[in-house]
Amino acid sequence: MYLTVKETVEFLELPEDYVRQLILNHKIKTIYDGRQYLINKNQFHNHLEQMENYRKMIQEYLSEPLPEDPDVKDED
């Protein structure tokens, strides 16, 4: 399945200028049909999988309770 630049921006949740720079620097594989760039959606599967793993890792880290400090002394 091929996406336009605007569809890719929405799909990846990235700024349009950034996606266009990736295209111009040949970081994203595209097909130019004479009017617009078409981008194969399947090439982002690995990227999206890594982003989801990163989100899970951050959520796990943020949900860990803070350990009690054994050196806390009551100064009253």
PDB file of N, CA and C in Angstrom:
ATOM      1  N   MET A   1       0.840  -1.174   0.000  1.00  0.00           N
ATOM      2  CA  MET A   1       0.000   0.000   0.000  1.00  0.00           C
ATOM      3  C   MET A   1       0.889   1.242   0.000  1.00  0.00           C
ATOM      4  N   TYR A   2       0.555   2.171  -0.859  1.00  0.00           N
ATOM      5  CA  TYR A   2       1.335   3.401  -0.966  1.00  0.00           C
ATOM      6  C   TYR A   2       0.577   4.575  -0.355  1.00  0.00           C
ATOM      7  N   LEU A   3       1.327   5.458   0.281  1.00  0.00           N
ATOM      8  CA  LEU A   3       0.767   6.642   0.926  1.00  0.00           C
ATOM      9  C   LEU A   3       1.335   7.890   0.273  1.00  0.00           C
ATOM     10  N   THR A   4       0.563   8.957   0.303  1.00  0.00           N
ATOM     11  CA  THR A   4       1.078  10.253  -0.114  1.00  0.00           C
ATOM     12  C   THR A   4       1.905  10.820   1.037  1.00  0.00           C
ATOM     13  N   VAL A   5       2.559  11.942   0.806  1.00  0.00           N
ATOM     14  CA  VAL A   5       3.357  12.571   1.866  1.00  0.00           C
ATOM     15  C   VAL A   5       2.449  12.948   3.045  1.00  0.00           C
ATOM     16  N   LYS A   6       1.293  13.532   2.767  1.00  0.00           N
ATOM     17  CA  LYS A   6       0.378  13.932   3.835  1.00  0.00           C
ATOM     18  C   LYS A   6      -0.117  12.732   4.625  1.00  0.00           C
ATOM     19  N   GLU A   7      -0.429  11.646   3.956  1.00  0.00           N
ATOM     20  CA  GLU A   7      -0.869  10.429   4.650  1.00  0.00           C
ATOM     21  C   GLU A   7       0.263   9.850   5.490  1.00  0.00           C
ATOM     22  N   THR A   8       1.482   9.925   4.974  1.00  0.00           N
ATOM     23  CA  THR A   8       2.641   9.435   5.725  1.00  0.00           C
ATOM     24  C   THR A   8       2.874  10.267   6.971  1.00  0.00           C
ATOM     25  N   VAL A   9       2.711  11.580   6.858  1.00  0.00           N
ATOM     26  CA  VAL A   9       2.871  12.478   8.002  1.00  0.00           C
ATOM     27  C   VAL A   9       1.876  12.105   9.102  1.00  0.00           C
ATOM     28  N   GLU A  10       0.637  11.864   8.721  1.00  0.00           N
ATOM     29  CA  GLU A  10      -0.386  11.479   9.695  1.00  0.00           C
ATOM     30  C   GLU A  10      -0.089  10.107  10.275  1.00  0.00           C
ATOM     31  N   PHE A  11       0.348   9.178   9.438  1.00  0.00           N
ATOM     32  CA  PHE A  11       0.634   7.817   9.866  1.00  0.00           C
ATOM     33  C   PHE A  11       1.789   7.772  10.860  1.00  0.00           C
ATOM     34  N   LEU A  12       2.851   8.517  10.582  1.00  0.00           N
ATOM     35  CA  LEU A  12       4.045   8.495  11.440  1.00  0.00           C
ATOM     36  C   LEU A  12       4.002   9.523  12.564  1.00  0.00           C
ATOM     37  N   GLU A  13       3.054  10.454  12.478  1.00  0.00           N
ATOM     38  CA  GLU A  13       2.951  11.536  13.465  1.00  0.00           C
ATOM     39  C   GLU A  13       4.244  12.347  13.530  1.00  0.00           C
ATOM     40  N   LEU A  14       4.718  12.741  12.347  1.00  0.00           N
ATOM     41  CA  LEU A  14       5.932  13.545  12.225  1.00  0.00           C
ATOM     42  C   LEU A  14       5.602  14.816  11.445  1.00  0.00           C
ATOM     43  N   PRO A  15       6.411  15.865  11.601  1.00  0.00           N
ATOM     44  CA  PRO A  15       6.191  17.088  10.819  1.00  0.00           C
ATOM     45  C   PRO A  15       6.403  16.845   9.322  1.00  0.00           C
ATOM     46  N   GLU A  16       5.623  17.516   8.504  1.00  0.00           N
ATOM     47  CA  GLU A  16       5.704  17.335   7.052  1.00  0.00           C
ATOM     48  C   GLU A  16       7.075  17.737   6.513  1.00  0.00           C
ATOM     49  N   ASP A  17       7.650  18.822   7.032  1.00  0.00           N
ATOM     50  CA  ASP A  17       8.979  19.252   6.572  1.00  0.00           C
ATOM     51  C   ASP A  17      10.025  18.168   6.814  1.00  0.00           C
ATOM     52  N   TYR A  18       9.923  17.499   7.959  1.00  0.00           N
ATOM     53  CA  TYR A  18      10.866  16.444   8.299  1.00  0.00           C
ATOM     54  C   TYR A  18      10.750  15.267   7.322  1.00  0.00           C
ATOM     55  N   VAL A  19       9.515  14.871   7.017  1.00  0.00           N
ATOM     56  CA  VAL A  19       9.303  13.759   6.085  1.00  0.00           C
ATOM     57  C   VAL A  19       9.823  14.134   4.699  1.00  0.00           C
ATOM     58  N   ARG A  20       9.592  15.369   4.279  1.00  0.00           N
ATOM     59  CA  ARG A  20      10.095  15.813   2.975  1.00  0.00           C
ATOM     60  C   ARG A  20      11.635  15.795   2.941  1.00  0.00           C
ATOM     61  N   GLN A  21      12.275  16.191   4.038  1.00  0.00           N
ATOM     62  CA  GLN A  21      13.743  16.141   4.114  1.00  0.00           C
ATOM     63  C   GLN A  21      14.224  14.698   3.996  1.00  0.00           C
ATOM     64  N   LEU A  22      13.527  13.765   4.664  1.00  0.00           N
ATOM     65  CA  LEU A  22      13.903  12.352   4.563  1.00  0.00           C
ATOM     66  C   LEU A  22      13.803  11.864   3.122  1.00  0.00           C
ATOM     67  N   ILE A  23      12.779  12.324   2.416  1.00  0.00           N
ATOM     68  CA  ILE A  23      12.614  11.937   1.014  1.00  0.00           C
ATOM     69  C   ILE A  23      13.745  12.510   0.167  1.00  0.00           C
ATOM     70  N   LEU A  24      14.034  13.789   0.336  1.00  0.00           N
ATOM     71  CA  LEU A  24      15.075  14.439  -0.463  1.00  0.00           C
ATOM     72  C   LEU A  24      16.464  13.872  -0.186  1.00  0.00           C
ATOM     73  N   ASN A  25      16.688  13.408   1.041  1.00  0.00           N
ATOM     74  CA  ASN A  25      17.976  12.813   1.408  1.00  0.00           C
ATOM     75  C   ASN A  25      18.007  11.304   1.175  1.00  0.00           C
ATOM     76  N   HIS A  26      16.962  10.784   0.531  1.00  0.00           N
ATOM     77  CA  HIS A  26      16.867   9.361   0.181  1.00  0.00           C
ATOM     78  C   HIS A  26      16.904   8.456   1.407  1.00  0.00           C
ATOM     79  N   LYS A  27      16.340   8.924   2.509  1.00  0.00           N
ATOM     80  CA  LYS A  27      16.235   8.101   3.718  1.00  0.00           C
ATOM     81  C   LYS A  27      14.953   7.283   3.706  1.00  0.00           C
ATOM     82  N   ILE A  28      13.979   7.717   2.898  1.00  0.00           N
ATOM     83  CA  ILE A  28      12.716   7.013   2.717  1.00  0.00           C
ATOM     84  C   ILE A  28      12.631   6.643   1.238  1.00  0.00           C
ATOM     85  N   LYS A  29      12.298   5.389   0.973  1.00  0.00           N
ATOM     86  CA  LYS A  29      12.138   4.951  -0.408  1.00  0.00           C
ATOM     87  C   LYS A  29      10.795   5.460  -0.932  1.00  0.00           C
ATOM     88  N   THR A  30      10.832   6.081  -2.108  1.00  0.00           N
ATOM     89  CA  THR A  30       9.621   6.639  -2.691  1.00  0.00           C
ATOM     90  C   THR A  30       9.526   6.306  -4.167  1.00  0.00           C
ATOM     91  N   ILE A  31       8.342   6.516  -4.693  1.00  0.00           N
ATOM     92  CA  ILE A  31       8.088   6.451  -6.128  1.00  0.00           C
ATOM     93  C   ILE A  31       7.496   7.794  -6.498  1.00  0.00           C
ATOM     94  N   TYR A  32       8.021   8.395  -7.545  1.00  0.00           N
ATOM     95  CA  TYR A  32       7.482   9.674  -8.014  1.00  0.00           C
ATOM     96  C   TYR A  32       6.645   9.389  -9.254  1.00  0.00           C
ATOM     97  N   ASP A  33       5.349   9.688  -9.187  1.00  0.00           N
ATOM     98  CA  ASP A  33       4.447   9.370 -10.298  1.00  0.00           C
ATOM     99  C   ASP A  33       4.263  10.529 -11.272  1.00  0.00           C
ATOM    100  N   GLY A  34       5.107  11.542 -11.174  1.00  0.00           N
ATOM    101  CA  GLY A  34       4.999  12.699 -12.039  1.00  0.00           C
ATOM    102  C   GLY A  34       4.277  13.863 -11.390  1.00  0.00           C
ATOM    103  N   ARG A  35       3.497  13.586 -10.359  1.00  0.00           N
ATOM    104  CA  ARG A  35       2.774  14.635  -9.636  1.00  0.00           C
ATOM    105  C   ARG A  35       3.155  14.687  -8.157  1.00  0.00           C
ATOM    106  N   GLN A  36       3.359  13.520  -7.576  1.00  0.00           N
ATOM    107  CA  GLN A  36       3.615  13.462  -6.140  1.00  0.00           C
ATOM    108  C   GLN A  36       4.475  12.243  -5.802  1.00  0.00           C
ATOM    109  N   TYR A  37       5.046  12.286  -4.607  1.00  0.00           N
ATOM    110  CA  TYR A  37       5.805  11.157  -4.109  1.00  0.00           C
ATOM    111  C   TYR A  37       4.842  10.178  -3.445  1.00  0.00           C
ATOM    112  N   LEU A  38       5.041   8.903  -3.724  1.00  0.00           N
ATOM    113  CA  LEU A  38       4.271   7.843  -3.087  1.00  0.00           C
ATOM    114  C   LEU A  38       5.235   7.011  -2.262  1.00  0.00           C
ATOM    115  N   ILE A  39       4.824   6.697  -1.056  1.00  0.00           N
ATOM    116  CA  ILE A  39       5.697   6.042  -0.092  1.00  0.00           C
ATOM    117  C   ILE A  39       5.074   4.718   0.323  1.00  0.00           C
ATOM    118  N   ASN A  40       5.862   3.650   0.267  1.00  0.00           N
ATOM    119  CA  ASN A  40       5.375   2.330   0.655  1.00  0.00           C
ATOM    120  C   ASN A  40       5.231   2.280   2.175  1.00  0.00           C
ATOM    121  N   LYS A  41       4.032   1.994   2.622  1.00  0.00           N
ATOM    122  CA  LYS A  41       3.720   1.969   4.059  1.00  0.00           C
ATOM    123  C   LYS A  41       4.475   0.865   4.797  1.00  0.00           C
ATOM    124  N   ASN A  42       4.751  -0.246   4.129  1.00  0.00           N
ATOM    125  CA  ASN A  42       5.389  -1.395   4.786  1.00  0.00           C
ATOM    126  C   ASN A  42       6.812  -1.125   5.252  1.00  0.00           C
ATOM    127  N   GLN A  43       7.484  -0.135   4.691  1.00  0.00           N
ATOM    128  CA  GLN A  43       8.866   0.127   5.102  1.00  0.00           C
ATOM    129  C   GLN A  43       8.953   0.691   6.521  1.00  0.00           C
ATOM    130  N   PHE A  44       7.826   1.120   7.082  1.00  0.00           N
ATOM    131  CA  PHE A  44       7.828   1.705   8.419  1.00  0.00           C
ATOM    132  C   PHE A  44       7.465   0.713   9.513  1.00  0.00           C
ATOM    133  N   HIS A  45       7.233  -0.532   9.143  1.00  0.00           N
ATOM    134  CA  HIS A  45       6.833  -1.529  10.138  1.00  0.00           C
ATOM    135  C   HIS A  45       7.872  -1.638  11.262  1.00  0.00           C
ATOM    136  N   ASN A  46       9.131  -1.748  10.918  1.00  0.00           N
ATOM    137  CA  ASN A  46      10.188  -1.869  11.918  1.00  0.00           C
ATOM    138  C   ASN A  46      10.275  -0.621  12.787  1.00  0.00           C
ATOM    139  N   HIS A  47      10.173   0.548  12.175  1.00  0.00           N
ATOM    140  CA  HIS A  47      10.229   1.806  12.917  1.00  0.00           C
ATOM    141  C   HIS A  47       9.090   1.891  13.928  1.00  0.00           C
ATOM    142  N   LEU A  48       7.885   1.561  13.501  1.00  0.00           N
ATOM    143  CA  LEU A  48       6.733   1.647  14.397  1.00  0.00           C
ATOM    144  C   LEU A  48       6.823   0.622  15.526  1.00  0.00           C
ATOM    145  N   GLU A  49       7.359  -0.543  15.222  1.00  0.00           N
ATOM    146  CA  GLU A  49       7.542  -1.572  16.240  1.00  0.00           C
ATOM    147  C   GLU A  49       8.537  -1.095  17.304  1.00  0.00           C
ATOM    148  N   GLN A  50       9.626  -0.486  16.882  1.00  0.00           N
ATOM    149  CA  GLN A  50      10.615   0.043  17.818  1.00  0.00           C
ATOM    150  C   GLN A  50      10.031   1.171  18.665  1.00  0.00           C
ATOM    151  N   MET A  51       9.235   2.042  18.048  1.00  0.00           N
ATOM    152  CA  MET A  51       8.607   3.140  18.789  1.00  0.00           C
ATOM    153  C   MET A  51       7.640   2.606  19.844  1.00  0.00           C
ATOM    154  N   GLU A  52       6.887   1.573  19.512  1.00  0.00           N
ATOM    155  CA  GLU A  52       5.953   0.981  20.470  1.00  0.00           C
ATOM    156  C   GLU A  52       6.715   0.345  21.634  1.00  0.00           C
ATOM    157  N   ASN A  53       7.817  -0.335  21.349  1.00  0.00           N
ATOM    158  CA  ASN A  53       8.643  -0.919  22.420  1.00  0.00           C
ATOM    159  C   ASN A  53       9.222   0.168  23.311  1.00  0.00           C
ATOM    160  N   TYR A  54       9.636   1.272  22.709  1.00  0.00           N
ATOM    161  CA  TYR A  54      10.178   2.390  23.479  1.00  0.00           C
ATOM    162  C   TYR A  54       9.101   2.998  24.372  1.00  0.00           C
ATOM    163  N   ARG A  55       7.902   3.157  23.842  1.00  0.00           N
ATOM    164  CA  ARG A  55       6.793   3.697  24.654  1.00  0.00           C
ATOM    165  C   ARG A  55       6.485   2.795  25.838  1.00  0.00           C
ATOM    166  N   LYS A  56       6.481   1.487  25.606  1.00  0.00           N
ATOM    167  CA  LYS A  56       6.225   0.538  26.689  1.00  0.00           C
ATOM    168  C   LYS A  56       7.309   0.639  27.756  1.00  0.00           C
ATOM    169  N   MET A  57       8.565   0.733  27.319  1.00  0.00           N
ATOM    170  CA  MET A  57       9.682   0.824  28.257  1.00  0.00           C
ATOM    171  C   MET A  57       9.567   2.092  29.114  1.00  0.00           C
ATOM    172  N   ILE A  58       9.215   3.206  28.499  1.00  0.00           N
ATOM    173  CA  ILE A  58       9.062   4.463  29.231  1.00  0.00           C
ATOM    174  C   ILE A  58       7.897   4.370  30.208  1.00  0.00           C
ATOM    175  N   GLN A  59       6.790   3.776  29.788  1.00  0.00           N
ATOM    176  CA  GLN A  59       5.641   3.632  30.683  1.00  0.00           C
ATOM    177  C   GLN A  59       5.980   2.749  31.879  1.00  0.00           C
ATOM    178  N   GLU A  60       6.713   1.681  31.653  1.00  0.00           N
ATOM    179  CA  GLU A  60       7.137   0.817  32.759  1.00  0.00           C
ATOM    180  C   GLU A  60       8.029   1.581  33.723  1.00  0.00           C
ATOM    181  N   TYR A  61       8.944   2.352  33.177  1.00  0.00           N
ATOM    182  CA  TYR A  61       9.855   3.126  34.011  1.00  0.00           C
ATOM    183  C   TYR A  61       9.084   4.153  34.844  1.00  0.00           C
ATOM    184  N   LEU A  62       8.150   4.841  34.220  1.00  0.00           N
ATOM    185  CA  LEU A  62       7.392   5.870  34.916  1.00  0.00           C
ATOM    186  C   LEU A  62       6.411   5.296  35.936  1.00  0.00           C
ATOM    187  N   SER A  63       5.996   4.057  35.759  1.00  0.00           N
ATOM    188  CA  SER A  63       5.037   3.473  36.688  1.00  0.00           C
ATOM    189  C   SER A  63       5.696   2.786  37.885  1.00  0.00           C
ATOM    190  N   GLU A  64       7.018   2.676  37.880  1.00  0.00           N
ATOM    191  CA  GLU A  64       7.708   2.081  39.025  1.00  0.00           C
ATOM    192  C   GLU A  64       7.590   3.000  40.230  1.00  0.00           C
ATOM    193  N   PRO A  65       7.260   2.437  41.384  1.00  0.00           N
ATOM    194  CA  PRO A  65       7.179   3.291  42.576  1.00  0.00           C
ATOM    195  C   PRO A  65       8.571   3.718  43.038  1.00  0.00           C
ATOM    196  N   LEU A  66       8.626   4.857  43.643  1.00  0.00           N
ATOM    197  CA  LEU A  66       9.897   5.333  44.185  1.00  0.00           C
ATOM    198  C   LEU A  66      10.240   4.539  45.435  1.00  0.00           C
ATOM    199  N   PRO A  67      11.468   4.090  45.548  1.00  0.00           N
ATOM    200  CA  PRO A  67      11.852   3.341  46.752  1.00  0.00           C
ATOM    201  C   PRO A  67      11.960   4.296  47.949  1.00  0.00           C
ATOM    202  N   GLU A  68      11.659   3.733  49.091  1.00  0.00           N
ATOM    203  CA  GLU A  68      11.806   4.549  50.297  1.00  0.00           C
ATOM    204  C   GLU A  68      13.278   4.704  50.607  1.00  0.00           C
ATOM    205  N   ASP A  69      13.639   5.893  51.028  1.00  0.00           N
ATOM    206  CA  ASP A  69      15.029   6.176  51.339  1.00  0.00           C
ATOM    207  C   ASP A  69      15.302   5.714  52.775  1.00  0.00           C
ATOM    208  N   PRO A  70      16.205   4.737  52.958  1.00  0.00           N
ATOM    209  CA  PRO A  70      16.467   4.233  54.310  1.00  0.00           C
ATOM    210  C   PRO A  70      17.212   5.247  55.183  1.00  0.00           C
ATOM    211  N   ASP A  71      17.781   6.286  54.599  1.00  0.00           N
ATOM    212  CA  ASP A  71      18.553   7.245  55.369  1.00  0.00           C
ATOM    213  C   ASP A  71      17.714   8.452  55.819  1.00  0.00           C
ATOM    214  N   VAL A  72      16.439   8.399  55.597  1.00  0.00           N
ATOM    215  CA  VAL A  72      15.585   9.517  55.980  1.00  0.00           C
ATOM    216  C   VAL A  72      15.477   9.521  57.507  1.00  0.00           C
ATOM    217  N   LYS A  73      15.751  10.674  58.095  1.00  0.00           N
ATOM    218  CA  LYS A  73      15.689  10.791  59.562  1.00  0.00           C
ATOM    219  C   LYS A  73      14.654  11.831  59.918  1.00  0.00           C
ATOM    220  N   ASP A  74      13.945  11.548  60.933  1.00  0.00           N
ATOM    221  CA  ASP A  74      12.946  12.488  61.414  1.00  0.00           C
ATOM    222  C   ASP A  74      13.669  13.535  62.236  1.00  0.00           C
ATOM    223  N   GLU A  75      13.624  14.775  61.750  1.00  0.00           N
ATOM    224  CA  GLU A  75      14.380  15.826  62.411  1.00  0.00           C
ATOM    225  C   GLU A  75      13.542  16.594  63.434  1.00  0.00           C
ATOM    226  N   ASP A  76      12.325  16.200  63.631  1.00  0.00           N
ATOM    227  CA  ASP A  76      11.504  16.886  64.634  1.00  0.00           C
ATOM    228  C   ASP A  76      11.762  16.391  66.008  1.00  0.00           C
TER     229      ASP A  76
END
